Amino acid sequence: MAETTIDDELWDEFHRVVNMTSRELRDWLRTEAAGTDAEREPDRAGPEVGRQVLAILGKRRTDLTTDDVVVMRHVVDEITAARRADLEPVAGDAEFRHRLMCLGHDPLQAR
């Protein structure tokens, strides 16, 4: 995996729309994956994109890869499309909230 440079706009936008901390996201992914068919490995809990966001949150900007940048753009686009630009807290239904939380965005959390 090669290092890549990331522009300020994407870096800032990613950290604006991903409003959950690493701990909140990790706990959510484990909770979301819990159930009768739960993974036995907690580090593999939740959808892949959620795990990728969690990994990105744990990296320094200089350690990001090209794949990380692709994930960051995808997450920004998905959250922005679902939430518009204002990101004001909104309840929505459970499926809406849970889908966004798997991307690191809690629509009920003000930032």
PDB file of N, CA and C in Angstrom:
ATOM      1  N   MET A   1       0.837  -1.181   0.000  1.00  0.00           N
ATOM      2  CA  MET A   1       0.000   0.000   0.000  1.00  0.00           C
ATOM      3  C   MET A   1       0.877   1.238   0.000  1.00  0.00           C
ATOM      4  N   ALA A   2       0.691   2.025  -0.994  1.00  0.00           N
ATOM      5  CA  ALA A   2       1.502   3.237  -1.134  1.00  0.00           C
ATOM      6  C   ALA A   2       0.833   4.411  -0.441  1.00  0.00           C
ATOM      7  N   GLU A   3       1.663   5.296   0.086  1.00  0.00           N
ATOM      8  CA  GLU A   3       1.142   6.522   0.684  1.00  0.00           C
ATOM      9  C   GLU A   3       0.602   7.422  -0.412  1.00  0.00           C
ATOM     10  N   THR A   4      -0.305   8.275  -0.058  1.00  0.00           N
ATOM     11  CA  THR A   4      -0.871   9.221  -1.008  1.00  0.00           C
ATOM     12  C   THR A   4      -1.113  10.534  -0.285  1.00  0.00           C
ATOM     13  N   THR A   5      -1.176  11.589  -1.046  1.00  0.00           N
ATOM     14  CA  THR A   5      -1.502  12.873  -0.427  1.00  0.00           C
ATOM     15  C   THR A   5      -3.010  13.060  -0.509  1.00  0.00           C
ATOM     16  N   ILE A   6      -3.539  13.727   0.459  1.00  0.00           N
ATOM     17  CA  ILE A   6      -4.976  13.971   0.512  1.00  0.00           C
ATOM     18  C   ILE A   6      -5.192  15.477   0.622  1.00  0.00           C
ATOM     19  N   ASP A   7      -6.140  15.966  -0.153  1.00  0.00           N
ATOM     20  CA  ASP A   7      -6.361  17.411  -0.127  1.00  0.00           C
ATOM     21  C   ASP A   7      -7.122  17.815   1.140  1.00  0.00           C
ATOM     22  N   ASP A   8      -6.931  19.064   1.521  1.00  0.00           N
ATOM     23  CA  ASP A   8      -7.533  19.595   2.744  1.00  0.00           C
ATOM     24  C   ASP A   8      -9.052  19.476   2.733  1.00  0.00           C
ATOM     25  N   GLU A   9      -9.656  19.714   1.577  1.00  0.00           N
ATOM     26  CA  GLU A   9     -11.115  19.705   1.481  1.00  0.00           C
ATOM     27  C   GLU A   9     -11.689  18.333   1.837  1.00  0.00           C
ATOM     28  N   LEU A  10     -11.126  17.263   1.271  1.00  0.00           N
ATOM     29  CA  LEU A  10     -11.621  15.922   1.577  1.00  0.00           C
ATOM     30  C   LEU A  10     -11.360  15.561   3.035  1.00  0.00           C
ATOM     31  N   TRP A  11     -10.180  15.862   3.525  1.00  0.00           N
ATOM     32  CA  TRP A  11      -9.837  15.579   4.922  1.00  0.00           C
ATOM     33  C   TRP A  11     -10.837  16.247   5.869  1.00  0.00           C
ATOM     34  N   ASP A  12     -11.088  17.540   5.642  1.00  0.00           N
ATOM     35  CA  ASP A  12     -12.003  18.297   6.501  1.00  0.00           C
ATOM     36  C   ASP A  12     -13.439  17.801   6.373  1.00  0.00           C
ATOM     37  N   GLU A  13     -13.868  17.526   5.154  1.00  0.00           N
ATOM     38  CA  GLU A  13     -15.242  17.077   4.924  1.00  0.00           C
ATOM     39  C   GLU A  13     -15.473  15.699   5.544  1.00  0.00           C
ATOM     40  N   PHE A  14     -14.525  14.810   5.408  1.00  0.00           N
ATOM     41  CA  PHE A  14     -14.639  13.479   6.014  1.00  0.00           C
ATOM     42  C   PHE A  14     -14.808  13.597   7.525  1.00  0.00           C
ATOM     43  N   HIS A  15     -13.977  14.417   8.141  1.00  0.00           N
ATOM     44  CA  HIS A  15     -14.050  14.555   9.590  1.00  0.00           C
ATOM     45  C   HIS A  15     -15.257  15.383  10.041  1.00  0.00           C
ATOM     46  N   ARG A  16     -15.879  16.103   9.145  1.00  0.00           N
ATOM     47  CA  ARG A  16     -17.117  16.813   9.467  1.00  0.00           C
ATOM     48  C   ARG A  16     -18.299  15.847   9.448  1.00  0.00           C
ATOM     49  N   VAL A  17     -18.365  14.995   8.430  1.00  0.00           N
ATOM     50  CA  VAL A  17     -19.527  14.104   8.308  1.00  0.00           C
ATOM     51  C   VAL A  17     -19.408  12.864   9.187  1.00  0.00           C
ATOM     52  N   VAL A  18     -18.200  12.406   9.449  1.00  0.00           N
ATOM     53  CA  VAL A  18     -18.011  11.279  10.363  1.00  0.00           C
ATOM     54  C   VAL A  18     -17.969  11.873  11.772  1.00  0.00           C
ATOM     55  N   ASN A  19     -19.114  11.853  12.420  1.00  0.00           N
ATOM     56  CA  ASN A  19     -19.240  12.533  13.712  1.00  0.00           C
ATOM     57  C   ASN A  19     -19.183  11.585  14.905  1.00  0.00           C
ATOM     58  N   MET A  20     -18.891  10.324  14.651  1.00  0.00           N
ATOM     59  CA  MET A  20     -18.735   9.365  15.737  1.00  0.00           C
ATOM     60  C   MET A  20     -17.245   9.195  16.028  1.00  0.00           C
ATOM     61  N   THR A  21     -16.913   9.016  17.288  1.00  0.00           N
ATOM     62  CA  THR A  21     -15.523   8.751  17.647  1.00  0.00           C
ATOM     63  C   THR A  21     -15.177   7.311  17.265  1.00  0.00           C
ATOM     64  N   SER A  22     -13.901   7.004  17.281  1.00  0.00           N
ATOM     65  CA  SER A  22     -13.471   5.632  17.006  1.00  0.00           C
ATOM     66  C   SER A  22     -14.141   4.649  17.951  1.00  0.00           C
ATOM     67  N   ARG A  23     -14.179   5.004  19.210  1.00  0.00           N
ATOM     68  CA  ARG A  23     -14.793   4.111  20.210  1.00  0.00           C
ATOM     69  C   ARG A  23     -16.279   3.923  19.936  1.00  0.00           C
ATOM     70  N   GLU A  24     -16.989   5.030  19.649  1.00  0.00           N
ATOM     71  CA  GLU A  24     -18.428   4.928  19.361  1.00  0.00           C
ATOM     72  C   GLU A  24     -18.678   4.044  18.148  1.00  0.00           C
ATOM     73  N   LEU A  25     -17.881   4.235  17.099  1.00  0.00           N
ATOM     74  CA  LEU A  25     -18.059   3.451  15.883  1.00  0.00           C
ATOM     75  C   LEU A  25     -17.731   1.977  16.141  1.00  0.00           C
ATOM     76  N   ARG A  26     -16.636   1.702  16.814  1.00  0.00           N
ATOM     77  CA  ARG A  26     -16.251   0.319  17.114  1.00  0.00           C
ATOM     78  C   ARG A  26     -17.359  -0.367  17.933  1.00  0.00           C
ATOM     79  N   ASP A  27     -17.853   0.322  18.959  1.00  0.00           N
ATOM     80  CA  ASP A  27     -18.925  -0.248  19.784  1.00  0.00           C
ATOM     81  C   ASP A  27     -20.188  -0.475  18.953  1.00  0.00           C
ATOM     82  N   TRP A  28     -20.509   0.471  18.085  1.00  0.00           N
ATOM     83  CA  TRP A  28     -21.702   0.329  17.244  1.00  0.00           C
ATOM     84  C   TRP A  28     -21.558  -0.853  16.294  1.00  0.00           C
ATOM     85  N   LEU A  29     -20.415  -0.980  15.651  1.00  0.00           N
ATOM     86  CA  LEU A  29     -20.220  -2.086  14.706  1.00  0.00           C
ATOM     87  C   LEU A  29     -20.352  -3.428  15.416  1.00  0.00           C
ATOM     88  N   ARG A  30     -19.847  -3.514  16.630  1.00  0.00           N
ATOM     89  CA  ARG A  30     -19.973  -4.762  17.402  1.00  0.00           C
ATOM     90  C   ARG A  30     -21.427  -5.005  17.793  1.00  0.00           C
ATOM     91  N   THR A  31     -22.139  -3.953  18.169  1.00  0.00           N
ATOM     92  CA  THR A  31     -23.545  -4.077  18.538  1.00  0.00           C
ATOM     93  C   THR A  31     -24.388  -4.460  17.338  1.00  0.00           C
ATOM     94  N   GLU A  32     -24.149  -3.793  16.225  1.00  0.00           N
ATOM     95  CA  GLU A  32     -24.910  -4.039  15.002  1.00  0.00           C
ATOM     96  C   GLU A  32     -24.704  -5.467  14.519  1.00  0.00           C
ATOM     97  N   ALA A  33     -23.514  -6.001  14.690  1.00  0.00           N
ATOM     98  CA  ALA A  33     -23.204  -7.348  14.222  1.00  0.00           C
ATOM     99  C   ALA A  33     -23.611  -8.420  15.225  1.00  0.00           C
ATOM    100  N   ALA A  34     -23.975  -8.020  16.436  1.00  0.00           N
ATOM    101  CA  ALA A  34     -24.332  -9.000  17.467  1.00  0.00           C
ATOM    102  C   ALA A  34     -25.634  -9.695  17.100  1.00  0.00           C
ATOM    103  N   GLY A  35     -25.721 -10.924  17.454  1.00  0.00           N
ATOM    104  CA  GLY A  35     -26.921 -11.703  17.186  1.00  0.00           C
ATOM    105  C   GLY A  35     -26.559 -13.166  17.057  1.00  0.00           C
ATOM    106  N   THR A  36     -27.513 -13.943  16.612  1.00  0.00           N
ATOM    107  CA  THR A  36     -27.286 -15.388  16.539  1.00  0.00           C
ATOM    108  C   THR A  36     -26.218 -15.746  15.511  1.00  0.00           C
ATOM    109  N   ASP A  37     -26.056 -14.942  14.483  1.00  0.00           N
ATOM    110  CA  ASP A  37     -25.049 -15.210  13.462  1.00  0.00           C
ATOM    111  C   ASP A  37     -23.842 -14.296  13.607  1.00  0.00           C
ATOM    112  N   ALA A  38     -23.599 -13.787  14.799  1.00  0.00           N
ATOM    113  CA  ALA A  38     -22.519 -12.823  15.040  1.00  0.00           C
ATOM    114  C   ALA A  38     -21.164 -13.434  14.720  1.00  0.00           C
ATOM    115  N   GLU A  39     -20.289 -12.573  14.271  1.00  0.00           N
ATOM    116  CA  GLU A  39     -18.913 -12.978  13.998  1.00  0.00           C
ATOM    117  C   GLU A  39     -18.229 -13.339  15.309  1.00  0.00           C
ATOM    118  N   ARG A  40     -17.382 -14.297  15.268  1.00  0.00           N
ATOM    119  CA  ARG A  40     -16.629 -14.683  16.462  1.00  0.00           C
ATOM    120  C   ARG A  40     -15.453 -13.745  16.698  1.00  0.00           C
ATOM    121  N   GLU A  41     -15.039 -13.012  15.688  1.00  0.00           N
ATOM    122  CA  GLU A  41     -13.914 -12.091  15.805  1.00  0.00           C
ATOM    123  C   GLU A  41     -14.455 -10.666  15.897  1.00  0.00           C
ATOM    124  N   PRO A  42     -14.357 -10.027  17.065  1.00  0.00           N
ATOM    125  CA  PRO A  42     -14.917  -8.680  17.229  1.00  0.00           C
ATOM    126  C   PRO A  42     -14.306  -7.651  16.279  1.00  0.00           C
ATOM    127  N   ASP A  43     -13.061  -7.836  15.874  1.00  0.00           N
ATOM    128  CA  ASP A  43     -12.432  -6.883  14.965  1.00  0.00           C
ATOM    129  C   ASP A  43     -12.969  -6.991  13.546  1.00  0.00           C
ATOM    130  N   ARG A  44     -13.768  -8.011  13.266  1.00  0.00           N
ATOM    131  CA  ARG A  44     -14.366  -8.176  11.947  1.00  0.00           C
ATOM    132  C   ARG A  44     -15.867  -7.913  11.994  1.00  0.00           C
ATOM    133  N   ALA A  45     -16.321  -7.260  13.060  1.00  0.00           N
ATOM    134  CA  ALA A  45     -17.744  -6.987  13.231  1.00  0.00           C
ATOM    135  C   ALA A  45     -18.185  -5.824  12.361  1.00  0.00           C
ATOM    136  N   GLY A  46     -19.403  -5.935  11.867  1.00  0.00           N
ATOM    137  CA  GLY A  46     -19.983  -4.854  11.079  1.00  0.00           C
ATOM    138  C   GLY A  46     -19.589  -4.927   9.616  1.00  0.00           C
ATOM    139  N   PRO A  47     -20.180  -4.049   8.809  1.00  0.00           N
ATOM    140  CA  PRO A  47     -19.882  -4.047   7.377  1.00  0.00           C
ATOM    141  C   PRO A  47     -18.448  -3.593   7.102  1.00  0.00           C
ATOM    142  N   GLU A  48     -17.919  -4.037   5.989  1.00  0.00           N
ATOM    143  CA  GLU A  48     -16.531  -3.722   5.634  1.00  0.00           C
ATOM    144  C   GLU A  48     -16.263  -2.223   5.596  1.00  0.00           C
ATOM    145  N   VAL A  49     -17.171  -1.452   5.014  1.00  0.00           N
ATOM    146  CA  VAL A  49     -16.941  -0.010   4.918  1.00  0.00           C
ATOM    147  C   VAL A  49     -16.850   0.621   6.308  1.00  0.00           C
ATOM    148  N   GLY A  50     -17.634   0.123   7.251  1.00  0.00           N
ATOM    149  CA  GLY A  50     -17.547   0.631   8.620  1.00  0.00           C
ATOM    150  C   GLY A  50     -16.191   0.334   9.234  1.00  0.00           C
ATOM    151  N   ARG A  51     -15.682  -0.859   8.983  1.00  0.00           N
ATOM    152  CA  ARG A  51     -14.348  -1.220   9.487  1.00  0.00           C
ATOM    153  C   ARG A  51     -13.272  -0.366   8.819  1.00  0.00           C
ATOM    154  N   GLN A  52     -13.477  -0.049   7.540  1.00  0.00           N
ATOM    155  CA  GLN A  52     -12.520   0.807   6.833  1.00  0.00           C
ATOM    156  C   GLN A  52     -12.523   2.216   7.423  1.00  0.00           C
ATOM    157  N   VAL A  53     -13.700   2.749   7.713  1.00  0.00           N
ATOM    158  CA  VAL A  53     -13.795   4.078   8.332  1.00  0.00           C
ATOM    159  C   VAL A  53     -13.098   4.052   9.687  1.00  0.00           C
ATOM    160  N   LEU A  54     -13.330   3.010  10.454  1.00  0.00           N
ATOM    161  CA  LEU A  54     -12.683   2.872  11.761  1.00  0.00           C
ATOM    162  C   LEU A  54     -11.159   2.865  11.614  1.00  0.00           C
ATOM    163  N   ALA A  55     -10.663   2.160  10.620  1.00  0.00           N
ATOM    164  CA  ALA A  55      -9.214   2.118  10.385  1.00  0.00           C
ATOM    165  C   ALA A  55      -8.685   3.498   9.996  1.00  0.00           C
ATOM    166  N   ILE A  56      -9.427   4.214   9.163  1.00  0.00           N
ATOM    167  CA  ILE A  56      -9.013   5.557   8.745  1.00  0.00           C
ATOM    168  C   ILE A  56      -8.960   6.496   9.947  1.00  0.00           C
ATOM    169  N   LEU A  57      -9.940   6.394  10.830  1.00  0.00           N
ATOM    170  CA  LEU A  57      -9.959   7.254  12.016  1.00  0.00           C
ATOM    171  C   LEU A  57      -8.735   7.018  12.898  1.00  0.00           C
ATOM    172  N   GLY A  58      -8.157   5.847  12.814  1.00  0.00           N
ATOM    173  CA  GLY A  58      -6.987   5.525  13.613  1.00  0.00           C
ATOM    174  C   GLY A  58      -5.663   5.870  12.958  1.00  0.00           C
ATOM    175  N   LYS A  59      -5.725   6.459  11.760  1.00  0.00           N
ATOM    176  CA  LYS A  59      -4.496   6.785  11.030  1.00  0.00           C
ATOM    177  C   LYS A  59      -4.186   8.271  11.079  1.00  0.00           C
ATOM    178  N   ARG A  60      -2.906   8.553  10.928  1.00  0.00           N
ATOM    179  CA  ARG A  60      -2.503   9.938  10.701  1.00  0.00           C
ATOM    180  C   ARG A  60      -2.722  10.248   9.226  1.00  0.00           C
ATOM    181  N   ARG A  61      -2.897  11.485   8.935  1.00  0.00           N
ATOM    182  CA  ARG A  61      -3.142  11.918   7.560  1.00  0.00           C
ATOM    183  C   ARG A  61      -2.047  11.433   6.613  1.00  0.00           C
ATOM    184  N   THR A  62      -0.817  11.455   7.070  1.00  0.00           N
ATOM    185  CA  THR A  62       0.314  11.055   6.218  1.00  0.00           C
ATOM    186  C   THR A  62       0.357   9.550   5.974  1.00  0.00           C
ATOM    187  N   ASP A  63      -0.408   8.773   6.737  1.00  0.00           N
ATOM    188  CA  ASP A  63      -0.408   7.322   6.584  1.00  0.00           C
ATOM    189  C   ASP A  63      -1.535   6.802   5.700  1.00  0.00           C
ATOM    190  N   LEU A  64      -2.367   7.699   5.187  1.00  0.00           N
ATOM    191  CA  LEU A  64      -3.491   7.281   4.348  1.00  0.00           C
ATOM    192  C   LEU A  64      -3.010   6.723   3.018  1.00  0.00           C
ATOM    193  N   THR A  65      -3.723   5.713   2.536  1.00  0.00           N
ATOM    194  CA  THR A  65      -3.416   5.095   1.251  1.00  0.00           C
ATOM    195  C   THR A  65      -4.423   5.572   0.199  1.00  0.00           C
ATOM    196  N   THR A  66      -4.173   5.217  -1.025  1.00  0.00           N
ATOM    197  CA  THR A  66      -5.102   5.530  -2.110  1.00  0.00           C
ATOM    198  C   THR A  66      -6.460   4.883  -1.837  1.00  0.00           C
ATOM    199  N   ASP A  67      -6.457   3.662  -1.326  1.00  0.00           N
ATOM    200  CA  ASP A  67      -7.715   2.988  -0.979  1.00  0.00           C
ATOM    201  C   ASP A  67      -8.473   3.747   0.104  1.00  0.00           C
ATOM    202  N   ASP A  68      -7.746   4.293   1.074  1.00  0.00           N
ATOM    203  CA  ASP A  68      -8.389   5.083   2.124  1.00  0.00           C
ATOM    204  C   ASP A  68      -9.079   6.307   1.535  1.00  0.00           C
ATOM    205  N   VAL A  69      -8.424   6.954   0.592  1.00  0.00           N
ATOM    206  CA  VAL A  69      -8.998   8.150  -0.040  1.00  0.00           C
ATOM    207  C   VAL A  69     -10.281   7.788  -0.780  1.00  0.00           C
ATOM    208  N   VAL A  70     -10.299   6.650  -1.449  1.00  0.00           N
ATOM    209  CA  VAL A  70     -11.507   6.191  -2.148  1.00  0.00           C
ATOM    210  C   VAL A  70     -12.639   5.974  -1.142  1.00  0.00           C
ATOM    211  N   VAL A  71     -12.337   5.336  -0.027  1.00  0.00           N
ATOM    212  CA  VAL A  71     -13.347   5.101   1.011  1.00  0.00           C
ATOM    213  C   VAL A  71     -13.838   6.428   1.576  1.00  0.00           C
ATOM    214  N   MET A  72     -12.930   7.344   1.838  1.00  0.00           N
ATOM    215  CA  MET A  72     -13.316   8.650   2.382  1.00  0.00           C
ATOM    216  C   MET A  72     -14.269   9.376   1.442  1.00  0.00           C
ATOM    217  N   ARG A  73     -13.968   9.380   0.150  1.00  0.00           N
ATOM    218  CA  ARG A  73     -14.861  10.037  -0.822  1.00  0.00           C
ATOM    219  C   ARG A  73     -16.230   9.364  -0.834  1.00  0.00           C
ATOM    220  N   HIS A  74     -16.229   8.036  -0.819  1.00  0.00           N
ATOM    221  CA  HIS A  74     -17.486   7.282  -0.820  1.00  0.00           C
ATOM    222  C   HIS A  74     -18.333   7.637   0.405  1.00  0.00           C
ATOM    223  N   VAL A  75     -17.708   7.655   1.567  1.00  0.00           N
ATOM    224  CA  VAL A  75     -18.420   7.949   2.813  1.00  0.00           C
ATOM    225  C   VAL A  75     -18.970   9.373   2.796  1.00  0.00           C
ATOM    226  N   VAL A  76     -18.167  10.334   2.374  1.00  0.00           N
ATOM    227  CA  VAL A  76     -18.630  11.719   2.287  1.00  0.00           C
ATOM    228  C   VAL A  76     -19.825  11.809   1.335  1.00  0.00           C
ATOM    229  N   ASP A  77     -19.731  11.169   0.178  1.00  0.00           N
ATOM    230  CA  ASP A  77     -20.827  11.209  -0.792  1.00  0.00           C
ATOM    231  C   ASP A  77     -22.098  10.558  -0.245  1.00  0.00           C
ATOM    232  N   GLU A  78     -21.962   9.396   0.385  1.00  0.00           N
ATOM    233  CA  GLU A  78     -23.124   8.684   0.929  1.00  0.00           C
ATOM    234  C   GLU A  78     -23.818   9.490   2.028  1.00  0.00           C
ATOM    235  N   ILE A  79     -23.038   9.993   2.949  1.00  0.00           N
ATOM    236  CA  ILE A  79     -23.628  10.735   4.072  1.00  0.00           C
ATOM    237  C   ILE A  79     -24.236  12.045   3.591  1.00  0.00           C
ATOM    238  N   THR A  80     -23.538  12.745   2.713  1.00  0.00           N
ATOM    239  CA  THR A  80     -24.054  14.006   2.188  1.00  0.00           C
ATOM    240  C   THR A  80     -25.344  13.786   1.394  1.00  0.00           C
ATOM    241  N   ALA A  81     -25.404  12.722   0.604  1.00  0.00           N
ATOM    242  CA  ALA A  81     -26.614  12.426  -0.168  1.00  0.00           C
ATOM    243  C   ALA A  81     -27.794  12.120   0.756  1.00  0.00           C
ATOM    244  N   ALA A  82     -27.526  11.438   1.841  1.00  0.00           N
ATOM    245  CA  ALA A  82     -28.595  11.077   2.769  1.00  0.00           C
ATOM    246  C   ALA A  82     -29.004  12.229   3.675  1.00  0.00           C
ATOM    247  N   ARG A  83     -28.064  13.106   3.990  1.00  0.00           N
ATOM    248  CA  ARG A  83     -28.306  14.133   4.998  1.00  0.00           C
ATOM    249  C   ARG A  83     -28.391  15.559   4.472  1.00  0.00           C
ATOM    250  N   ARG A  84     -28.052  15.798   3.244  1.00  0.00           N
ATOM    251  CA  ARG A  84     -27.916  17.150   2.725  1.00  0.00           C
ATOM    252  C   ARG A  84     -26.662  17.776   3.345  1.00  0.00           C
ATOM    253  N   ALA A  85     -26.487  19.042   3.200  1.00  0.00           N
ATOM    254  CA  ALA A  85     -25.255  19.686   3.661  1.00  0.00           C
ATOM    255  C   ALA A  85     -25.321  20.179   5.104  1.00  0.00           C
ATOM    256  N   ASP A  86     -26.525  20.359   5.641  1.00  0.00           N
ATOM    257  CA  ASP A  86     -26.618  20.990   6.957  1.00  0.00           C
ATOM    258  C   ASP A  86     -26.244  20.077   8.126  1.00  0.00           C
ATOM    259  N   LEU A  87     -26.488  18.787   8.007  1.00  0.00           N
ATOM    260  CA  LEU A  87     -26.177  17.796   9.041  1.00  0.00           C
ATOM    261  C   LEU A  87     -26.816  18.109  10.396  1.00  0.00           C
ATOM    262  N   GLU A  88     -27.928  18.815  10.380  1.00  0.00           N
ATOM    263  CA  GLU A  88     -28.653  19.073  11.621  1.00  0.00           C
ATOM    264  C   GLU A  88     -29.202  17.752  12.156  1.00  0.00           C
ATOM    265  N   PRO A  89     -29.232  17.579  13.468  1.00  0.00           N
ATOM    266  CA  PRO A  89     -29.741  16.325  14.038  1.00  0.00           C
ATOM    267  C   PRO A  89     -31.167  16.041  13.584  1.00  0.00           C
ATOM    268  N   VAL A  90     -31.402  14.815  13.146  1.00  0.00           N
ATOM    269  CA  VAL A  90     -32.715  14.384  12.689  1.00  0.00           C
ATOM    270  C   VAL A  90     -32.867  12.901  13.029  1.00  0.00           C
ATOM    271  N   ALA A  91     -34.059  12.534  13.475  1.00  0.00           N
ATOM    272  CA  ALA A  91     -34.268  11.159  13.904  1.00  0.00           C
ATOM    273  C   ALA A  91     -34.329  10.196  12.723  1.00  0.00           C
ATOM    274  N   GLY A  92     -35.211  10.432  11.777  1.00  0.00           N
ATOM    275  CA  GLY A  92     -35.386   9.464  10.704  1.00  0.00           C
ATOM    276  C   GLY A  92     -35.848   8.130  11.283  1.00  0.00           C
ATOM    277  N   ASP A  93     -35.929   7.101  10.441  1.00  0.00           N
ATOM    278  CA  ASP A  93     -36.317   5.798  10.975  1.00  0.00           C
ATOM    279  C   ASP A  93     -35.070   5.014  11.379  1.00  0.00           C
ATOM    280  N   ALA A  94     -35.279   3.904  12.038  1.00  0.00           N
ATOM    281  CA  ALA A  94     -34.163   3.121  12.579  1.00  0.00           C
ATOM    282  C   ALA A  94     -33.222   2.642  11.472  1.00  0.00           C
ATOM    283  N   GLU A  95     -33.756   2.201  10.369  1.00  0.00           N
ATOM    284  CA  GLU A  95     -32.913   1.705   9.267  1.00  0.00           C
ATOM    285  C   GLU A  95     -32.015   2.824   8.723  1.00  0.00           C
ATOM    286  N   PHE A  96     -32.580   4.010   8.551  1.00  0.00           N
ATOM    287  CA  PHE A  96     -31.831   5.176   8.088  1.00  0.00           C
ATOM    288  C   PHE A  96     -30.684   5.482   9.041  1.00  0.00           C
ATOM    289  N   ARG A  97     -30.996   5.538  10.323  1.00  0.00           N
ATOM    290  CA  ARG A  97     -29.976   5.857  11.321  1.00  0.00           C
ATOM    291  C   ARG A  97     -28.900   4.777  11.384  1.00  0.00           C
ATOM    292  N   HIS A  98     -29.299   3.536  11.405  1.00  0.00           N
ATOM    293  CA  HIS A  98     -28.339   2.440  11.514  1.00  0.00           C
ATOM    294  C   HIS A  98     -27.420   2.362  10.296  1.00  0.00           C
ATOM    295  N   ARG A  99     -27.971   2.612   9.113  1.00  0.00           N
ATOM    296  CA  ARG A  99     -27.149   2.596   7.896  1.00  0.00           C
ATOM    297  C   ARG A  99     -26.069   3.670   7.966  1.00  0.00           C
ATOM    298  N   LEU A 100     -26.458   4.873   8.405  1.00  0.00           N
ATOM    299  CA  LEU A 100     -25.485   5.963   8.511  1.00  0.00           C
ATOM    300  C   LEU A 100     -24.479   5.726   9.636  1.00  0.00           C
ATOM    301  N   MET A 101     -24.930   5.135  10.711  1.00  0.00           N
ATOM    302  CA  MET A 101     -24.016   4.855  11.822  1.00  0.00           C
ATOM    303  C   MET A 101     -22.949   3.847  11.405  1.00  0.00           C
ATOM    304  N   CYS A 102     -23.269   2.950  10.499  1.00  0.00           N
ATOM    305  CA  CYS A 102     -22.271   2.001   9.989  1.00  0.00           C
ATOM    306  C   CYS A 102     -21.202   2.711   9.163  1.00  0.00           C
ATOM    307  N   LEU A 103     -21.471   3.958   8.761  1.00  0.00           N
ATOM    308  CA  LEU A 103     -20.498   4.782   8.036  1.00  0.00           C
ATOM    309  C   LEU A 103     -19.786   5.757   8.970  1.00  0.00           C
ATOM    310  N   GLY A 104     -20.150   5.742  10.253  1.00  0.00           N
ATOM    311  CA  GLY A 104     -19.515   6.646  11.215  1.00  0.00           C
ATOM    312  C   GLY A 104     -20.268   7.937  11.454  1.00  0.00           C
ATOM    313  N   HIS A 105     -21.530   7.999  11.008  1.00  0.00           N
ATOM    314  CA  HIS A 105     -22.328   9.218  11.182  1.00  0.00           C
ATOM    315  C   HIS A 105     -23.600   8.898  11.954  1.00  0.00           C
ATOM    316  N   ASP A 106     -23.746   9.509  13.118  1.00  0.00           N
ATOM    317  CA  ASP A 106     -24.975   9.365  13.895  1.00  0.00           C
ATOM    318  C   ASP A 106     -25.845  10.588  13.617  1.00  0.00           C
ATOM    319  N   PRO A 107     -26.968  10.407  12.906  1.00  0.00           N
ATOM    320  CA  PRO A 107     -27.807  11.553  12.547  1.00  0.00           C
ATOM    321  C   PRO A 107     -28.438  12.262  13.739  1.00  0.00           C
ATOM    322  N   LEU A 108     -28.423  11.646  14.917  1.00  0.00           N
ATOM    323  CA  LEU A 108     -28.969  12.307  16.100  1.00  0.00           C
ATOM    324  C   LEU A 108     -27.928  13.117  16.847  1.00  0.00           C
ATOM    325  N   GLN A 109     -26.689  12.956  16.492  1.00  0.00           N
ATOM    326  CA  GLN A 109     -25.593  13.611  17.208  1.00  0.00           C
ATOM    327  C   GLN A 109     -25.267  14.942  16.553  1.00  0.00           C
ATOM    328  N   ALA A 110     -25.306  15.994  17.352  1.00  0.00           N
ATOM    329  CA  ALA A 110     -24.916  17.322  16.856  1.00  0.00           C
ATOM    330  C   ALA A 110     -23.403  17.438  16.866  1.00  0.00           C
ATOM    331  N   ARG A 111     -22.872  18.138  15.904  1.00  0.00           N
ATOM    332  CA  ARG A 111     -21.424  18.354  15.849  1.00  0.00           C
ATOM    333  C   ARG A 111     -21.166  19.777  15.509  1.00  0.00           C
TER     334      ARG A 111
END
